N, C-alpha and C. Protein backbone atom coordinates (compact mmCIF):
# COMPACT_ATOMS: atom_id res chain seq x y z
N UNK A 1 -17.44 -22.89 13.64
CA UNK A 1 -16.69 -22.63 12.43
C UNK A 1 -17.37 -21.51 11.66
N UNK A 2 -16.58 -20.68 11.02
CA UNK A 2 -17.12 -19.56 10.26
C UNK A 2 -16.79 -19.71 8.80
N UNK A 3 -17.54 -19.01 7.99
CA UNK A 3 -17.35 -19.06 6.55
C UNK A 3 -16.62 -17.80 6.11
N UNK A 4 -15.51 -17.95 5.43
CA UNK A 4 -14.74 -16.81 4.95
C UNK A 4 -15.16 -16.49 3.52
N UNK A 5 -15.41 -15.24 3.27
CA UNK A 5 -15.68 -14.82 1.90
C UNK A 5 -14.33 -14.55 1.23
N UNK A 6 -13.83 -15.55 0.55
CA UNK A 6 -12.51 -15.46 -0.06
C UNK A 6 -12.48 -14.38 -1.14
N UNK A 7 -13.58 -14.17 -1.85
CA UNK A 7 -13.61 -13.16 -2.89
C UNK A 7 -13.37 -11.76 -2.31
N UNK A 8 -14.04 -11.43 -1.21
CA UNK A 8 -13.84 -10.12 -0.59
C UNK A 8 -12.43 -9.98 -0.05
N UNK A 9 -11.91 -11.06 0.51
CA UNK A 9 -10.57 -11.02 1.06
C UNK A 9 -9.53 -10.86 -0.05
N UNK A 10 -9.69 -11.58 -1.14
CA UNK A 10 -8.76 -11.48 -2.26
C UNK A 10 -8.84 -10.10 -2.89
N UNK A 11 -10.05 -9.61 -3.09
CA UNK A 11 -10.27 -8.28 -3.65
C UNK A 11 -9.59 -7.22 -2.79
N UNK A 12 -9.78 -7.29 -1.49
CA UNK A 12 -9.18 -6.31 -0.57
C UNK A 12 -7.67 -6.43 -0.57
N UNK A 13 -7.15 -7.64 -0.61
CA UNK A 13 -5.70 -7.84 -0.65
C UNK A 13 -5.10 -7.20 -1.89
N UNK A 14 -5.70 -7.42 -3.04
CA UNK A 14 -5.19 -6.82 -4.28
C UNK A 14 -5.25 -5.30 -4.22
N UNK A 15 -6.32 -4.75 -3.69
CA UNK A 15 -6.43 -3.29 -3.60
C UNK A 15 -5.36 -2.73 -2.67
N UNK A 16 -5.19 -3.33 -1.49
CA UNK A 16 -4.18 -2.84 -0.55
C UNK A 16 -2.78 -2.91 -1.15
N UNK A 17 -2.45 -4.01 -1.82
CA UNK A 17 -1.12 -4.13 -2.43
C UNK A 17 -0.95 -3.16 -3.60
N UNK A 18 -2.03 -2.87 -4.33
CA UNK A 18 -1.95 -1.86 -5.39
C UNK A 18 -1.72 -0.47 -4.81
N UNK A 19 -2.35 -0.19 -3.67
CA UNK A 19 -2.13 1.11 -3.02
C UNK A 19 -0.68 1.24 -2.55
N UNK A 20 -0.14 0.17 -2.00
CA UNK A 20 1.27 0.18 -1.59
C UNK A 20 2.16 0.39 -2.81
N UNK A 21 1.84 -0.27 -3.91
CA UNK A 21 2.61 -0.12 -5.14
C UNK A 21 2.55 1.32 -5.65
N UNK A 22 1.39 1.94 -5.56
CA UNK A 22 1.25 3.34 -5.99
C UNK A 22 2.15 4.25 -5.16
N UNK A 23 2.22 3.99 -3.87
CA UNK A 23 3.08 4.80 -3.00
C UNK A 23 4.55 4.57 -3.34
N UNK A 24 4.91 3.34 -3.63
CA UNK A 24 6.31 3.01 -3.89
C UNK A 24 6.79 3.45 -5.27
N UNK A 25 5.91 3.81 -6.16
CA UNK A 25 6.32 4.22 -7.51
C UNK A 25 6.64 5.70 -7.61
N UNK A 26 6.80 6.36 -6.49
CA UNK A 26 7.21 7.76 -6.53
C UNK A 26 8.72 7.81 -6.73
N UNK A 27 9.25 8.97 -7.05
CA UNK A 27 10.69 9.11 -7.29
C UNK A 27 11.51 8.86 -6.04
N UNK A 28 12.78 8.49 -6.21
CA UNK A 28 13.65 8.20 -5.08
C UNK A 28 13.84 9.41 -4.17
N UNK A 29 13.84 10.59 -4.74
CA UNK A 29 14.05 11.80 -3.95
C UNK A 29 12.80 12.31 -3.26
N UNK A 30 11.67 11.74 -3.56
CA UNK A 30 10.39 12.20 -3.00
C UNK A 30 10.11 11.46 -1.70
N UNK A 31 9.91 12.21 -0.62
CA UNK A 31 9.60 11.62 0.67
C UNK A 31 8.20 11.01 0.68
N UNK A 32 7.93 10.26 1.73
CA UNK A 32 6.67 9.53 1.83
C UNK A 32 5.45 10.45 1.82
N UNK A 33 5.56 11.62 2.42
CA UNK A 33 4.41 12.53 2.51
C UNK A 33 4.58 13.81 1.69
N UNK A 34 5.61 13.90 0.88
CA UNK A 34 5.84 15.12 0.11
C UNK A 34 4.83 15.32 -1.01
N UNK A 35 4.36 14.26 -1.61
CA UNK A 35 3.40 14.34 -2.71
C UNK A 35 1.99 14.27 -2.10
N UNK A 36 1.42 15.42 -1.83
CA UNK A 36 0.13 15.47 -1.14
C UNK A 36 -1.01 14.89 -1.97
N UNK A 37 -0.94 15.04 -3.27
CA UNK A 37 -1.98 14.49 -4.14
C UNK A 37 -1.96 12.96 -4.08
N UNK A 38 -0.78 12.38 -4.05
CA UNK A 38 -0.66 10.93 -3.94
C UNK A 38 -1.20 10.44 -2.60
N UNK A 39 -0.83 11.12 -1.53
CA UNK A 39 -1.31 10.74 -0.19
C UNK A 39 -2.83 10.85 -0.13
N UNK A 40 -3.38 11.91 -0.69
CA UNK A 40 -4.83 12.11 -0.69
C UNK A 40 -5.53 11.02 -1.49
N UNK A 41 -5.01 10.72 -2.67
CA UNK A 41 -5.63 9.71 -3.53
C UNK A 41 -5.58 8.33 -2.89
N UNK A 42 -4.45 7.96 -2.32
CA UNK A 42 -4.32 6.65 -1.68
C UNK A 42 -5.22 6.58 -0.44
N UNK A 43 -5.31 7.65 0.32
CA UNK A 43 -6.17 7.67 1.50
C UNK A 43 -7.64 7.50 1.12
N UNK A 44 -8.08 8.22 0.11
CA UNK A 44 -9.47 8.11 -0.35
C UNK A 44 -9.75 6.70 -0.87
N UNK A 45 -8.81 6.16 -1.62
CA UNK A 45 -8.98 4.80 -2.15
C UNK A 45 -9.08 3.78 -1.02
N UNK A 46 -8.29 3.95 0.02
CA UNK A 46 -8.33 3.05 1.18
C UNK A 46 -9.69 3.12 1.87
N UNK A 47 -10.20 4.32 2.07
CA UNK A 47 -11.50 4.50 2.72
C UNK A 47 -12.62 3.92 1.87
N UNK A 48 -12.56 4.14 0.56
CA UNK A 48 -13.59 3.59 -0.34
C UNK A 48 -13.54 2.07 -0.31
N UNK A 49 -12.35 1.49 -0.27
CA UNK A 49 -12.25 0.02 -0.20
C UNK A 49 -12.91 -0.50 1.07
N UNK A 50 -12.67 0.14 2.19
CA UNK A 50 -13.32 -0.28 3.43
C UNK A 50 -14.84 -0.13 3.33
N UNK A 51 -15.30 0.93 2.66
CA UNK A 51 -16.74 1.11 2.47
C UNK A 51 -17.32 0.01 1.59
N UNK A 52 -16.60 -0.38 0.56
CA UNK A 52 -17.08 -1.45 -0.32
C UNK A 52 -17.26 -2.76 0.44
N UNK A 53 -16.44 -2.97 1.44
CA UNK A 53 -16.49 -4.22 2.18
C UNK A 53 -17.44 -4.15 3.38
N UNK A 54 -17.61 -2.98 3.99
CA UNK A 54 -18.36 -2.91 5.25
C UNK A 54 -19.70 -2.17 5.19
N UNK A 55 -19.96 -1.34 4.19
CA UNK A 55 -21.22 -0.60 4.12
C UNK A 55 -22.26 -1.48 3.42
N UNK A 56 -23.39 -1.75 4.10
CA UNK A 56 -24.36 -2.72 3.57
C UNK A 56 -24.85 -2.47 2.15
N UNK A 57 -25.25 -1.24 1.81
CA UNK A 57 -25.77 -1.04 0.45
C UNK A 57 -24.68 -1.18 -0.60
N UNK A 58 -23.42 -0.89 -0.24
CA UNK A 58 -22.32 -1.09 -1.18
C UNK A 58 -21.98 -2.58 -1.30
N UNK A 59 -22.18 -3.33 -0.23
CA UNK A 59 -21.99 -4.78 -0.28
C UNK A 59 -22.95 -5.40 -1.29
N UNK A 60 -24.16 -4.90 -1.31
CA UNK A 60 -25.16 -5.42 -2.24
C UNK A 60 -24.76 -5.12 -3.68
N UNK A 61 -24.32 -3.91 -3.94
CA UNK A 61 -23.96 -3.50 -5.29
C UNK A 61 -22.73 -4.26 -5.79
N UNK A 62 -21.70 -4.36 -4.94
CA UNK A 62 -20.44 -4.96 -5.36
C UNK A 62 -20.29 -6.42 -4.95
N UNK A 63 -21.33 -6.98 -4.37
CA UNK A 63 -21.38 -8.38 -3.97
C UNK A 63 -20.19 -8.78 -3.10
N UNK A 64 -19.98 -7.99 -2.05
CA UNK A 64 -18.93 -8.29 -1.09
C UNK A 64 -19.57 -8.63 0.25
N UNK A 65 -18.78 -9.18 1.13
CA UNK A 65 -19.22 -9.46 2.50
C UNK A 65 -18.19 -8.88 3.45
N UNK A 66 -18.62 -8.58 4.65
CA UNK A 66 -17.70 -8.03 5.64
C UNK A 66 -16.60 -9.04 5.96
N UNK A 67 -15.40 -8.51 6.11
CA UNK A 67 -14.28 -9.33 6.54
C UNK A 67 -14.26 -9.36 8.07
N UNK A 68 -13.79 -10.44 8.62
CA UNK A 68 -13.55 -10.48 10.06
C UNK A 68 -12.40 -9.53 10.37
N UNK A 69 -12.42 -8.96 11.56
CA UNK A 69 -11.36 -8.03 11.93
C UNK A 69 -9.99 -8.70 11.86
N UNK A 70 -9.94 -9.95 12.23
CA UNK A 70 -8.69 -10.71 12.17
C UNK A 70 -8.17 -10.77 10.72
N UNK A 71 -9.08 -11.01 9.78
CA UNK A 71 -8.68 -11.06 8.37
C UNK A 71 -8.23 -9.69 7.86
N UNK A 72 -8.93 -8.64 8.26
CA UNK A 72 -8.56 -7.29 7.86
C UNK A 72 -7.18 -6.94 8.40
N UNK A 73 -6.91 -7.25 9.66
CA UNK A 73 -5.60 -6.94 10.23
C UNK A 73 -4.50 -7.78 9.58
N UNK A 74 -4.81 -8.99 9.17
CA UNK A 74 -3.84 -9.81 8.44
C UNK A 74 -3.50 -9.15 7.11
N UNK A 75 -4.51 -8.67 6.41
CA UNK A 75 -4.28 -7.99 5.13
C UNK A 75 -3.49 -6.70 5.32
N UNK A 76 -3.80 -5.95 6.38
CA UNK A 76 -3.06 -4.73 6.67
C UNK A 76 -1.60 -5.05 7.01
N UNK A 77 -1.38 -6.15 7.74
CA UNK A 77 -0.01 -6.55 8.07
C UNK A 77 0.75 -6.95 6.81
N UNK A 78 0.08 -7.64 5.90
CA UNK A 78 0.71 -8.03 4.63
C UNK A 78 1.10 -6.78 3.83
N UNK A 79 0.19 -5.83 3.73
CA UNK A 79 0.47 -4.60 2.99
C UNK A 79 1.58 -3.80 3.70
N UNK A 80 1.54 -3.77 5.03
CA UNK A 80 2.58 -3.06 5.79
C UNK A 80 3.95 -3.69 5.62
N UNK A 81 3.99 -5.01 5.59
CA UNK A 81 5.26 -5.71 5.36
C UNK A 81 5.80 -5.40 3.98
N UNK A 82 4.93 -5.42 2.99
CA UNK A 82 5.34 -5.09 1.63
C UNK A 82 5.88 -3.66 1.57
N UNK A 83 5.21 -2.74 2.22
CA UNK A 83 5.65 -1.35 2.21
C UNK A 83 6.99 -1.21 2.93
N UNK A 84 7.15 -1.90 4.06
CA UNK A 84 8.41 -1.84 4.80
C UNK A 84 9.58 -2.37 3.97
N UNK A 85 9.36 -3.47 3.27
CA UNK A 85 10.42 -4.03 2.43
C UNK A 85 10.77 -3.09 1.28
N UNK A 86 9.76 -2.48 0.68
CA UNK A 86 10.00 -1.52 -0.40
C UNK A 86 10.75 -0.29 0.11
N UNK A 87 10.37 0.20 1.28
CA UNK A 87 11.05 1.37 1.85
C UNK A 87 12.51 1.03 2.17
N UNK A 88 12.77 -0.18 2.65
CA UNK A 88 14.14 -0.61 2.89
C UNK A 88 14.96 -0.64 1.61
N UNK A 89 14.36 -1.15 0.54
CA UNK A 89 15.03 -1.17 -0.76
C UNK A 89 15.31 0.24 -1.24
N UNK A 90 14.32 1.12 -1.07
CA UNK A 90 14.49 2.51 -1.50
C UNK A 90 15.60 3.20 -0.70
N UNK A 91 15.69 2.94 0.58
CA UNK A 91 16.74 3.53 1.42
C UNK A 91 18.11 3.06 0.93
N UNK A 92 18.21 1.76 0.61
CA UNK A 92 19.47 1.21 0.08
C UNK A 92 19.82 1.88 -1.26
N UNK A 93 18.83 2.03 -2.14
CA UNK A 93 19.09 2.65 -3.45
C UNK A 93 19.52 4.10 -3.30
N UNK A 94 18.90 4.84 -2.37
CA UNK A 94 19.32 6.23 -2.13
C UNK A 94 20.75 6.29 -1.62
N UNK A 95 21.10 5.38 -0.70
CA UNK A 95 22.46 5.36 -0.17
C UNK A 95 23.46 5.00 -1.26
N UNK A 96 23.11 4.05 -2.11
CA UNK A 96 24.01 3.65 -3.21
C UNK A 96 24.19 4.80 -4.19
N UNK A 97 23.11 5.52 -4.50
CA UNK A 97 23.19 6.65 -5.43
C UNK A 97 24.03 7.77 -4.82
N UNK A 98 23.87 8.00 -3.52
CA UNK A 98 24.65 9.05 -2.86
C UNK A 98 26.13 8.70 -2.82
N UNK A 99 26.47 7.45 -2.54
CA UNK A 99 27.88 7.07 -2.51
C UNK A 99 28.49 7.09 -3.91
N UNK A 100 27.69 6.77 -4.93
CA UNK A 100 28.19 6.82 -6.30
C UNK A 100 28.47 8.26 -6.72
N UNK A 101 27.61 9.19 -6.33
CA UNK A 101 27.84 10.59 -6.68
C UNK A 101 29.01 11.16 -5.87
N UNK A 102 29.18 10.70 -4.63
CA UNK A 102 30.31 11.13 -3.81
C UNK A 102 31.62 10.64 -4.42
N UNK A 103 31.64 9.39 -4.89
CA UNK A 103 32.85 8.83 -5.52
C UNK A 103 33.16 9.57 -6.81
N UNK A 104 32.14 9.95 -7.56
CA UNK A 104 32.36 10.69 -8.80
C UNK A 104 32.92 12.08 -8.52
N UNK A 105 32.45 12.72 -7.44
CA UNK A 105 32.97 14.05 -7.08
C UNK A 105 34.41 13.95 -6.62
N UNK A 106 34.78 12.87 -5.93
CA UNK A 106 36.13 12.68 -5.45
C UNK A 106 37.11 12.53 -6.60
N UNK A 107 36.67 11.88 -7.66
CA UNK A 107 37.54 11.65 -8.82
C UNK A 107 37.77 12.94 -9.61
N UNK A 108 36.86 13.88 -9.50
CA UNK A 108 36.96 15.12 -10.28
C UNK A 108 37.92 16.10 -9.70
C-alpha cells in the first residue's frame, strides 16, 4: 500500500483546472493557438507546476511530494475532459451566433 499526498494532488488539480479556465476565457472568435501570449503563459505555468511537485529543492520550499504517474495522468485526464467539454460548448455557441447573424441578414 502506498501513501498519497492529497495536498499535492489537490494543489495540482486546482492549478490544472485554473489553467484550463484561463484558456477557455478567451473570446469566441479567438482560436486555441491564436493568442501566443496566453499559450506561452499557460505553458510556463504548467512547467512550473510540474517543477513544484517533482524538483526536490522546490518540494522542500513548497512542502509538496511527488505524485505517482498514475495520479498525474488522472489529473491530466480530468483537465483534458474539462477542456474538451468547454471547447464543445464554445463550438455550439459559435454555431448559434453564426446562425443568428445569418437569420438577421436574411430578414434584411
